[in-house]
Amino acid sequence: MAESRDLPVAARDAWQCYLAMRESKAAYFGLLSEIDQRSRDGGEPTTIAESLLLERRLGEHSTSVQRFSTAMAAVTDTAAREALIREISALSAV
């Protein structure tokens, strides 16, 4: 995962949680997109294994969101929180 040397120590856990959340979102939506595209192309229907994997990835993403939310709430220092938001905004703009 990407490191941000500019972040205050108080914000680093939330940053790592944000990156994990971003990764779990990409994994879930990537699989969902593959399944959807195959369906649109008239391919094989979704298998039970794919449905279970999709469900697992959604659960992983939900857990990641919860961890990020908790970590973000723990950043009580205003400067650290603002620095974290700037990092998140900069990464999201890419």
Protein backbone atom coordinates (compact mmCIF):
# COMPACT_ATOMS: atom_id res chain seq x y z
CA MET A 1 0.00 0.00 0.00
CA ALA A 2 1.05 3.56 -0.60
CA GLU A 3 2.84 5.35 2.19
CA SER A 4 2.37 9.00 2.89
CA ARG A 5 5.39 10.44 4.62
CA ASP A 6 3.69 13.82 4.96
CA LEU A 7 0.91 12.62 7.22
CA PRO A 8 1.09 13.18 10.95
CA VAL A 9 1.42 9.98 12.98
CA ALA A 10 -2.13 10.45 14.31
CA ALA A 11 -3.55 10.09 10.79
CA ARG A 12 -1.48 7.19 9.47
CA ASP A 13 -3.74 4.37 10.67
CA ALA A 14 -6.76 6.03 9.06
CA TRP A 15 -4.73 6.45 5.84
CA GLN A 16 -3.89 2.74 5.76
CA CYS A 17 -7.55 1.92 6.43
CA TYR A 18 -8.58 4.24 3.60
CA LEU A 19 -6.21 2.48 1.20
CA ALA A 20 -7.54 -0.93 2.27
CA MET A 21 -11.11 0.31 1.78
CA ARG A 22 -10.23 1.61 -1.68
CA GLU A 23 -8.65 -1.72 -2.58
CA SER A 24 -11.61 -3.76 -1.32
CA LYS A 25 -14.00 -1.54 -3.29
CA ALA A 26 -12.00 -2.09 -6.47
CA ALA A 27 -11.96 -5.86 -5.89
CA TYR A 28 -15.73 -6.01 -5.35
CA PHE A 29 -16.71 -3.76 -8.24
CA GLY A 30 -14.12 -5.34 -10.53
CA LEU A 31 -15.65 -8.77 -10.05
CA LEU A 32 -19.18 -7.40 -10.32
CA SER A 33 -18.26 -5.67 -13.56
CA GLU A 34 -16.75 -8.86 -15.03
CA ILE A 35 -19.87 -10.85 -14.17
CA ASP A 36 -22.15 -8.13 -15.54
CA GLN A 37 -20.19 -7.80 -18.78
CA ARG A 38 -20.22 -11.53 -19.35
CA SER A 39 -23.97 -11.55 -18.81
CA ARG A 40 -24.45 -8.69 -21.26
CA ASP A 41 -22.35 -10.53 -23.83
CA GLY A 42 -24.65 -13.54 -23.55
CA GLY A 43 -22.07 -15.65 -21.73
CA GLU A 44 -22.48 -18.23 -19.03
CA PRO A 45 -24.73 -17.38 -16.11
CA THR A 46 -23.19 -16.49 -12.77
CA THR A 47 -22.01 -19.59 -10.93
CA ILE A 48 -22.64 -20.32 -7.28
CA ALA A 49 -18.89 -19.97 -6.68
CA GLU A 50 -18.91 -16.50 -8.27
CA SER A 51 -21.92 -15.46 -6.22
CA LEU A 52 -20.20 -16.62 -3.04
CA LEU A 53 -16.99 -14.81 -4.00
CA LEU A 54 -18.96 -11.66 -4.74
CA GLU A 55 -20.68 -11.95 -1.37
CA ARG A 56 -17.32 -12.44 0.37
CA ARG A 57 -15.81 -9.42 -1.37
CA LEU A 58 -18.78 -7.29 -0.40
CA GLY A 59 -18.34 -8.41 3.21
CA GLU A 60 -14.64 -7.57 3.05
CA HIS A 61 -15.46 -4.13 1.70
CA SER A 62 -18.08 -3.54 4.39
CA THR A 63 -15.50 -4.46 7.03
CA SER A 64 -12.98 -2.11 5.41
CA VAL A 65 -15.50 0.74 5.42
CA GLN A 66 -16.22 0.14 9.10
CA ARG A 67 -12.50 0.09 9.96
CA PHE A 68 -11.91 3.31 8.05
CA SER A 69 -14.86 4.98 9.75
CA THR A 70 -13.55 3.98 13.17
CA ALA A 71 -10.00 5.05 12.34
CA MET A 72 -11.19 8.36 10.91
CA ALA A 73 -13.20 9.08 14.06
CA ALA A 74 -10.06 8.44 16.11
CA VAL A 75 -8.23 11.28 14.34
CA THR A 76 -9.24 14.03 16.73
CA ASP A 77 -6.36 16.40 16.03
CA THR A 78 -7.65 19.02 13.59
CA ALA A 79 -4.37 19.43 11.69
CA ALA A 80 -3.94 15.67 11.34
CA ARG A 81 -7.51 15.28 10.14
CA GLU A 82 -7.11 18.06 7.58
CA ALA A 83 -3.85 16.53 6.32
CA LEU A 84 -5.58 13.17 5.97
CA ILE A 85 -8.45 14.68 4.02
CA ARG A 86 -5.96 16.42 1.71
CA GLU A 87 -4.18 13.09 1.05
CA ILE A 88 -7.47 11.32 0.36
CA SER A 89 -8.58 14.12 -1.96
CA ALA A 90 -5.28 14.07 -3.82
CA LEU A 91 -5.42 10.31 -4.32
CA SER A 92 -9.07 10.46 -5.41
CA ALA A 93 -8.24 13.12 -7.99
CA VAL A 94 -5.81 10.79 -9.76
